[in-house]
Amino acid sequence: MPRCWPRRGTAIRNLILAASLFGWAGGILEAQEYDFPILLPKWINDFSLRTGAGYRDNVGLSARSAQDSAFVATGLEIMLLRLPENGTQFNFFASAEDLRFLSSSVVNQEQTAFAQALLKTDCGSGWQVSLGAEYIYQNQIVDVSFTEPGLTTLPVEGHGAVFRQGLRHDFATGFWVSLEPSAKRQFFREPLDDYWEYGPRMTLGKSYGRKSELSLSYEISQRDYDHDPLRAADGSAIADTRRKAIQQEARLMWKQCWDPKGRWRTTTRLIAKQSEDTGSGYFDYAKLLAGEQILFHSKDWDISADAKVARYDYPIQTATDFRKRRSTEIAFNFRCERRIASFLKIFAEYDRERVLSNLAFEQYVVNTVKGGLNWVF
């Protein structure tokens, strides 16, 4: 399976943005409804259409003979918020993007889409229940080497759906605790295999100040592949087996709002993940990630910068020099958006990703720049 969904900034940025907006905007809207219940509509919606163009210097994520191309981009975003009524609130967010490369023989187009719906109900006495669903689609070149040994970068087309249930309790001291069981179904075109993934996530958090919070979560899940077999330590397939993995992840998140108007916000994340298969351990890996996101929002400006470093270590797999395989992913995204009319914004975005590995054919660098117009309805 690919190490991430849509590559670099596009839909991953949208996912993070949607999650943060649901939490941040939802809290403010709830307060506004309490103060001015007659003046506000029950539904708030936002629709935007993006058009633009850009350039990518390594369309195929190649370690050698990188091919560049200009592209034309179109996209849309939809956000729908239902203000709390009888303790129930509904949020919906969707985003999609289409890129058409003008001079590439590797791939001529890519598409990504993401949708998220969340229903939350306040049960009183600090208790809250929620039900959420997510859908992700991708059709693009992706580096799958992090979790699929023997494969590097290849065209990936897949659909994924995630269903979550949530139970949360807020204490008077500002602390809160939540439990989220989830189930995921993933479909891929060959050579990647479909799978089920399910398990709970437990989180302990502390809310404070200007809608800031610190949280620590632990998640354990099992991934069951439909057909892919387990492998021996030398990489050979084991007959009459199906690949399974137990994954554990610990995540520390610090969300900080730095001024009374909420213009400057940062998110710091530290993640440690371990994946172990149920056979020889050939698919085992450990991942350490550190990331930082900075957001600035005002009436006319939206600026964000996001950087991350992820290290992967493999206890069984070896490189060509017989040392244990390892790789490092370094990624950076910067986006600036300026409102020039009530219905129109201009934007510019830059993405850079670099992968370092002791397997030379897994290394690559890719830069993407794009800009255009964002029509708001």
Protein backbone atom coordinates (compact mmCIF):
# COMPACT_ATOMS: atom_id res chain seq x y z
CA MET A 1 0.00 0.00 0.00
CA PRO A 2 1.26 3.51 -0.66
CA ARG A 3 2.86 5.26 2.28
CA CYS A 4 0.30 8.03 2.00
CA TRP A 5 -2.76 8.91 0.02
CA PRO A 6 -2.52 11.66 -2.57
CA ARG A 7 1.10 12.68 -2.83
CA ARG A 8 2.61 15.74 -1.20
CA GLY A 9 0.44 18.77 -0.39
CA THR A 10 -2.86 18.42 -2.19
CA ALA A 11 -5.37 16.12 -0.50
CA ILE A 12 -3.31 15.52 2.62
CA ARG A 13 -3.30 19.28 3.17
CA ASN A 14 -7.07 19.30 2.58
CA LEU A 15 -7.59 16.49 5.05
CA ILE A 16 -5.63 18.32 7.76
CA LEU A 17 -7.39 21.58 6.91
CA ALA A 18 -10.82 19.97 7.08
CA ALA A 19 -10.09 18.34 10.42
CA SER A 20 -8.78 21.58 11.91
CA LEU A 21 -11.65 23.65 10.51
CA PHE A 22 -14.25 21.23 11.86
CA GLY A 23 -12.77 21.51 15.33
CA TRP A 24 -11.91 25.23 15.28
CA ALA A 25 -14.92 26.57 13.38
CA GLY A 26 -17.30 24.22 15.12
CA GLY A 27 -16.34 25.55 18.53
CA ILE A 28 -16.64 29.18 17.47
CA LEU A 29 -19.97 28.62 15.71
CA GLU A 30 -21.33 26.90 18.77
CA ALA A 31 -20.41 29.94 20.86
CA GLN A 32 -21.96 32.27 18.30
CA GLU A 33 -25.21 30.34 18.25
CA TYR A 34 -25.39 30.64 22.02
CA ASP A 35 -24.90 34.42 21.88
CA PHE A 36 -26.91 35.24 18.73
CA PRO A 37 -29.31 32.39 17.98
CA ILE A 38 -31.71 34.51 15.90
CA LEU A 39 -29.16 36.15 13.60
CA LEU A 40 -27.34 33.06 12.33
CA PRO A 41 -28.63 30.57 9.74
CA LYS A 42 -28.78 26.93 10.71
CA TRP A 43 -26.62 25.88 7.76
CA ILE A 44 -23.34 27.42 6.67
CA ASN A 45 -21.84 26.38 3.35
CA ASP A 46 -18.81 27.25 1.27
CA PHE A 47 -18.03 26.22 -2.31
CA SER A 48 -14.90 27.05 -4.29
CA LEU A 49 -13.56 26.18 -7.74
CA ARG A 50 -9.82 26.30 -8.53
CA THR A 51 -8.17 26.76 -11.91
CA GLY A 52 -4.46 27.06 -12.50
CA ALA A 53 -1.25 25.74 -13.98
CA GLY A 54 2.12 24.54 -12.77
CA TYR A 55 5.33 22.63 -13.36
CA ARG A 56 6.77 19.39 -11.94
CA ASP A 57 10.42 18.46 -12.48
CA ASN A 58 10.10 14.70 -11.84
CA VAL A 59 6.69 13.46 -12.95
CA GLY A 60 7.52 9.75 -12.53
CA LEU A 61 9.38 10.09 -9.18
CA SER A 62 12.39 8.57 -10.93
CA ALA A 63 15.78 7.95 -9.36
CA ARG A 64 17.40 8.47 -12.76
CA SER A 65 16.44 10.32 -15.96
CA ALA A 66 13.74 12.45 -14.33
CA GLN A 67 11.13 13.74 -16.76
CA ASP A 68 9.59 17.17 -16.25
CA SER A 69 6.34 18.64 -17.49
CA ALA A 70 4.05 21.62 -17.19
CA PHE A 71 0.45 20.89 -16.23
CA VAL A 72 -3.01 22.40 -16.07
CA ALA A 73 -4.91 21.98 -12.79
CA THR A 74 -8.57 22.21 -11.81
CA GLY A 75 -10.13 21.48 -8.45
CA LEU A 76 -13.02 22.14 -6.12
CA GLU A 77 -13.79 22.23 -2.41
CA ILE A 78 -17.13 22.01 -0.62
CA MET A 79 -17.72 22.65 3.08
CA LEU A 80 -21.09 22.31 4.81
CA LEU A 81 -21.66 23.00 8.52
CA ARG A 82 -24.88 22.41 10.44
CA LEU A 83 -24.94 24.54 13.58
CA PRO A 84 -25.65 22.63 16.81
CA GLU A 85 -29.34 21.97 17.41
CA ASN A 86 -30.50 19.87 20.35
CA GLY A 87 -26.84 19.07 20.95
CA THR A 88 -26.27 17.62 17.45
CA GLN A 89 -23.89 19.03 14.85
CA PHE A 90 -23.09 17.86 11.30
CA ASN A 91 -20.00 18.72 9.22
CA PHE A 92 -19.18 17.78 5.64
CA PHE A 93 -16.06 18.50 3.60
CA ALA A 94 -15.08 17.38 0.09
CA SER A 95 -12.13 18.19 -2.15
CA ALA A 96 -11.02 17.01 -5.60
CA GLU A 97 -8.20 17.90 -7.99
CA ASP A 98 -7.34 17.00 -11.58
CA LEU A 99 -3.91 17.54 -13.18
CA ARG A 100 -3.27 17.25 -16.94
CA PHE A 101 0.41 16.99 -17.89
CA LEU A 102 1.30 18.65 -21.19
CA SER A 103 4.60 16.96 -22.14
CA SER A 104 5.02 13.73 -20.16
CA SER A 105 5.34 10.24 -21.59
CA VAL A 106 5.28 8.72 -18.08
CA VAL A 107 1.74 9.76 -17.14
CA ASN A 108 -0.65 12.20 -18.77
CA GLN A 109 -2.99 12.91 -15.85
CA GLU A 110 -3.65 12.38 -12.15
CA GLN A 111 -6.74 12.76 -9.99
CA THR A 112 -7.31 12.81 -6.25
CA ALA A 113 -10.49 13.19 -4.22
CA PHE A 114 -11.32 13.25 -0.51
CA ALA A 115 -14.63 13.49 1.36
CA GLN A 116 -15.38 13.52 5.09
CA ALA A 117 -18.69 13.57 6.99
CA LEU A 118 -18.98 13.85 10.77
CA LEU A 119 -22.05 13.74 13.02
CA LYS A 120 -21.56 14.72 16.68
CA THR A 121 -24.06 14.69 19.54
CA ASP A 122 -23.59 16.21 22.99
CA CYS A 123 -25.12 13.83 25.54
CA GLY A 124 -24.60 16.09 28.53
CA SER A 125 -22.39 15.78 31.62
CA GLY A 126 -19.31 16.16 29.39
CA TRP A 127 -20.08 13.15 27.17
CA GLN A 128 -20.10 13.29 23.37
CA VAL A 129 -20.66 10.59 20.74
CA SER A 130 -19.77 10.85 17.06
CA LEU A 131 -20.07 8.92 13.83
CA GLY A 132 -17.77 9.66 10.91
CA ALA A 133 -17.05 8.42 7.41
CA GLU A 134 -14.25 9.22 4.95
CA TYR A 135 -13.69 8.41 1.29
CA ILE A 136 -10.44 8.79 -0.65
CA TYR A 137 -9.71 8.23 -4.33
CA GLN A 138 -6.34 8.47 -6.07
CA ASN A 139 -5.08 7.89 -9.57
CA GLN A 140 -1.43 8.96 -9.73
CA ILE A 141 2.19 7.86 -9.52
CA VAL A 142 3.07 6.97 -5.92
CA ASP A 143 6.17 5.72 -4.14
CA VAL A 144 5.00 2.46 -2.51
CA SER A 145 8.46 1.19 -1.51
CA PHE A 146 8.04 2.09 2.16
CA THR A 147 5.48 -0.68 2.76
CA GLU A 148 5.77 -2.79 -0.41
CA PRO A 149 9.34 -4.16 -0.71
CA GLY A 150 10.35 -4.96 -4.26
CA LEU A 151 8.17 -2.17 -5.68
CA THR A 152 9.21 1.46 -6.06
CA THR A 153 7.21 4.14 -7.86
CA LEU A 154 4.28 3.07 -10.02
CA PRO A 155 0.85 4.23 -11.20
CA VAL A 156 -1.65 3.62 -8.41
CA GLU A 157 -5.41 3.74 -8.67
CA GLY A 158 -7.47 3.00 -5.59
CA HIS A 159 -10.56 3.68 -3.54
CA GLY A 160 -10.70 3.69 0.25
CA ALA A 161 -13.46 4.11 2.83
CA VAL A 162 -13.10 4.58 6.59
CA PHE A 163 -15.88 4.41 9.18
CA ARG A 164 -15.32 5.69 12.72
CA GLN A 165 -17.30 5.74 15.93
CA GLY A 166 -16.27 8.02 18.75
CA LEU A 167 -16.92 8.40 22.45
CA ARG A 168 -15.43 11.39 24.27
CA HIS A 169 -15.61 12.74 27.80
CA ASP A 170 -14.55 16.28 28.74
CA PHE A 171 -13.58 16.96 32.35
CA ALA A 172 -14.06 20.28 34.12
CA THR A 173 -10.28 20.67 34.41
CA GLY A 174 -9.83 20.92 30.62
CA PHE A 175 -8.66 17.34 30.22
CA TRP A 176 -10.53 15.01 27.87
CA VAL A 177 -10.35 11.37 26.84
CA SER A 178 -11.72 9.65 23.74
CA LEU A 179 -12.07 6.19 22.22
CA GLU A 180 -12.45 5.72 18.44
CA PRO A 181 -12.95 2.26 16.92
CA SER A 182 -12.60 2.31 13.14
CA ALA A 183 -12.79 0.04 10.11
CA LYS A 184 -11.21 0.67 6.72
CA ARG A 185 -11.68 -1.03 3.36
CA GLN A 186 -9.13 -0.41 0.62
CA PHE A 187 -9.33 -1.38 -3.05
CA PHE A 188 -6.37 -1.17 -5.44
CA ARG A 189 -5.64 -2.10 -9.00
CA GLU A 190 -2.83 -4.66 -9.38
CA PRO A 191 -0.03 -5.07 -8.46
CA LEU A 192 -1.18 -3.73 -5.08
CA ASP A 193 -3.52 -5.90 -3.00
CA ASP A 194 -6.82 -4.95 -1.36
CA TYR A 195 -7.12 -5.14 2.40
CA TRP A 196 -9.23 -4.61 5.51
CA GLU A 197 -7.90 -2.64 8.47
CA TYR A 198 -9.58 -2.24 11.84
CA GLY A 199 -8.76 -1.30 15.41
CA PRO A 200 -9.28 1.33 18.15
CA ARG A 201 -7.55 4.62 18.91
CA MET A 202 -7.37 5.99 22.47
CA THR A 203 -6.53 9.66 23.12
CA LEU A 204 -5.85 11.74 26.22
CA GLY A 205 -5.87 15.50 25.72
CA LYS A 206 -5.71 18.83 27.49
CA SER A 207 -7.52 21.90 26.15
CA TYR A 208 -6.36 25.32 27.27
CA GLY A 209 -6.00 28.98 26.32
CA ARG A 210 -7.25 30.21 22.96
CA LYS A 211 -8.59 26.91 21.61
CA SER A 212 -5.21 25.27 21.99
CA GLU A 213 -4.66 21.68 23.03
CA LEU A 214 -2.07 19.01 23.70
CA SER A 215 -2.94 15.36 23.06
CA LEU A 216 -1.35 11.92 23.19
CA SER A 217 -2.93 9.00 21.35
CA TYR A 218 -2.26 5.30 20.92
CA GLU A 219 -3.71 3.19 18.12
CA ILE A 220 -3.47 -0.53 17.46
CA SER A 221 -4.87 -2.06 14.29
CA GLN A 222 -4.79 -5.23 12.24
CA ARG A 223 -4.45 -5.20 8.46
CA ASP A 224 -5.67 -8.28 6.54
CA TYR A 225 -4.76 -8.53 2.85
CA ASP A 226 -7.07 -10.32 0.44
CA HIS A 227 -4.48 -12.31 -1.55
CA ASP A 228 -0.90 -11.17 -0.91
CA PRO A 229 1.09 -14.01 0.75
CA LEU A 230 3.49 -13.83 3.66
CA ARG A 231 7.18 -14.06 2.81
CA ALA A 232 10.17 -15.83 4.28
CA ALA A 233 13.11 -13.79 5.57
CA ASP A 234 14.78 -14.02 2.14
CA GLY A 235 11.72 -12.49 0.45
CA SER A 236 10.32 -15.64 -1.14
CA ALA A 237 6.54 -16.10 -1.01
CA ILE A 238 5.14 -18.68 1.43
CA ALA A 239 2.47 -20.82 -0.22
CA ASP A 240 -1.07 -21.03 1.20
CA THR A 241 -0.68 -17.95 3.41
CA ARG A 242 -2.21 -14.49 3.48
CA ARG A 243 -0.34 -11.41 4.59
CA LYS A 244 -1.42 -9.87 7.89
CA ALA A 245 0.13 -7.12 9.97
CA ILE A 246 -0.31 -5.76 13.49
CA GLN A 247 0.33 -2.01 13.60
CA GLN A 248 0.89 0.18 16.65
CA GLU A 249 1.16 3.95 16.56
CA ALA A 250 1.77 6.58 19.25
CA ARG A 251 1.11 10.21 18.33
CA LEU A 252 1.85 13.43 20.23
CA MET A 253 0.02 16.52 18.90
CA TRP A 254 0.38 20.13 20.07
CA LYS A 255 -2.04 22.65 18.55
CA GLN A 256 -1.35 26.22 19.60
CA CYS A 257 -3.19 29.45 18.80
CA TRP A 258 -0.77 32.34 19.36
CA ASP A 259 -2.95 35.49 19.32
CA PRO A 260 -6.41 36.52 20.53
CA LYS A 261 -7.82 36.82 16.99
CA GLY A 262 -6.69 33.31 16.04
CA ARG A 263 -4.61 34.48 13.08
CA TRP A 264 -1.47 32.49 13.92
CA ARG A 265 -1.72 28.78 14.64
CA THR A 266 0.82 25.97 14.73
CA THR A 267 0.54 22.19 14.87
CA THR A 268 3.47 20.09 16.05
CA ARG A 269 3.31 16.31 15.60
CA LEU A 270 5.59 13.49 16.70
CA ILE A 271 4.70 9.97 15.56
CA ALA A 272 6.20 6.58 16.30
CA LYS A 273 4.82 3.57 14.41
CA GLN A 274 5.67 -0.10 14.32
CA SER A 275 4.27 -2.64 11.86
CA GLU A 276 4.85 -6.40 12.32
CA ASP A 277 3.62 -9.13 10.04
CA THR A 278 2.41 -12.47 11.38
CA GLY A 279 5.13 -14.48 9.64
CA SER A 280 8.91 -14.16 9.40
CA GLY A 281 8.88 -10.39 9.90
CA TYR A 282 9.95 -9.66 6.33
CA PHE A 283 7.38 -6.84 6.08
CA ASP A 284 8.25 -5.38 9.51
CA TYR A 285 9.26 -1.73 9.77
CA ALA A 286 9.51 1.06 12.33
CA LYS A 287 8.72 4.67 11.51
CA LEU A 288 9.59 7.90 13.33
CA LEU A 289 8.10 11.17 12.09
CA ALA A 290 8.43 14.79 13.17
CA GLY A 291 6.36 17.51 11.54
CA GLU A 292 5.46 21.16 11.95
CA GLN A 293 2.68 23.21 10.37
CA ILE A 294 2.29 27.01 10.58
CA LEU A 295 -0.98 28.71 9.56
CA PHE A 296 -1.77 32.40 9.19
CA HIS A 297 -5.34 33.53 8.53
CA SER A 298 -6.76 37.01 8.13
CA LYS A 299 -9.58 38.64 6.19
CA ASP A 300 -7.58 38.69 2.95
CA TRP A 301 -4.68 36.26 3.48
CA ASP A 302 -4.27 32.53 4.08
CA ILE A 303 -0.66 31.35 4.37
CA SER A 304 0.57 27.91 5.41
CA ALA A 305 3.91 26.11 5.66
CA ASP A 306 4.25 22.41 6.46
CA ALA A 307 7.47 20.41 6.89
CA LYS A 308 8.09 16.82 7.94
CA VAL A 309 10.89 14.28 8.26
CA ALA A 310 10.12 10.55 8.45
CA ARG A 311 12.64 7.76 9.07
CA TYR A 312 11.92 4.10 8.18
CA ASP A 313 13.97 1.19 9.53
CA TYR A 314 13.56 -2.45 8.47
CA PRO A 315 14.83 -5.17 10.88
CA ILE A 316 14.76 -8.06 8.35
CA GLN A 317 15.19 -6.59 4.87
CA THR A 318 18.72 -5.83 3.69
CA ALA A 319 20.25 -3.43 1.19
CA THR A 320 22.70 -4.39 -1.56
CA ASP A 321 25.65 -4.03 0.84
CA PHE A 322 23.96 -6.45 3.32
CA ARG A 323 23.26 -3.68 5.81
CA LYS A 324 19.72 -3.36 7.13
CA ARG A 325 17.50 -1.40 4.79
CA ARG A 326 16.56 2.12 5.81
CA SER A 327 15.10 5.23 4.18
CA THR A 328 14.25 8.83 5.03
CA GLU A 329 11.51 11.02 3.57
CA ILE A 330 11.79 14.82 3.73
CA ALA A 331 8.83 16.91 2.56
CA PHE A 332 7.96 20.61 2.53
CA ASN A 333 4.87 22.50 1.38
CA PHE A 334 4.22 26.25 1.22
CA ARG A 335 0.94 27.83 0.11
CA CYS A 336 -0.16 31.47 -0.08
CA GLU A 337 -3.67 32.68 -0.94
CA ARG A 338 -4.78 36.30 -1.32
CA ARG A 339 -8.36 37.55 -1.60
CA ILE A 340 -8.66 40.15 -4.36
CA ALA A 341 -12.48 40.31 -4.47
CA SER A 342 -15.37 38.97 -2.43
CA PHE A 343 -15.67 36.03 -4.85
CA LEU A 344 -12.07 35.60 -6.06
CA LYS A 345 -8.68 34.62 -4.61
CA ILE A 346 -5.28 34.08 -6.19
CA PHE A 347 -2.95 31.37 -4.89
CA ALA A 348 0.59 30.05 -5.28
CA GLU A 349 1.96 26.76 -3.93
CA TYR A 350 5.33 25.01 -3.77
CA ASP A 351 5.99 21.35 -2.85
CA ARG A 352 9.29 19.55 -2.45
CA GLU A 353 9.84 15.92 -1.54
CA ARG A 354 13.09 14.00 -1.24
CA VAL A 355 13.65 10.34 -0.38
CA LEU A 356 17.04 9.10 0.83
CA SER A 357 17.77 5.37 1.04
CA ASN A 358 20.65 2.91 1.15
CA LEU A 359 18.99 1.38 -1.93
CA ALA A 360 20.00 3.73 -4.74
CA PHE A 361 16.97 2.98 -6.94
CA GLU A 362 14.60 4.21 -4.19
CA GLN A 363 16.08 7.72 -4.03
CA TYR A 364 14.49 10.65 -5.82
CA VAL A 365 13.76 14.38 -5.57
CA VAL A 366 10.65 16.09 -6.92
CA ASN A 367 9.62 19.76 -6.94
CA THR A 368 6.19 21.10 -7.90
CA VAL A 369 5.08 24.71 -8.31
CA LYS A 370 1.60 25.85 -9.22
CA GLY A 371 -0.62 28.88 -9.06
CA GLY A 372 -3.98 30.12 -10.19
CA LEU A 373 -7.39 31.42 -9.24
CA ASN A 374 -9.83 30.27 -6.59
CA TRP A 375 -13.46 31.19 -7.28
CA VAL A 376 -15.60 31.34 -4.11
CA PHE A 377 -19.38 30.94 -4.35
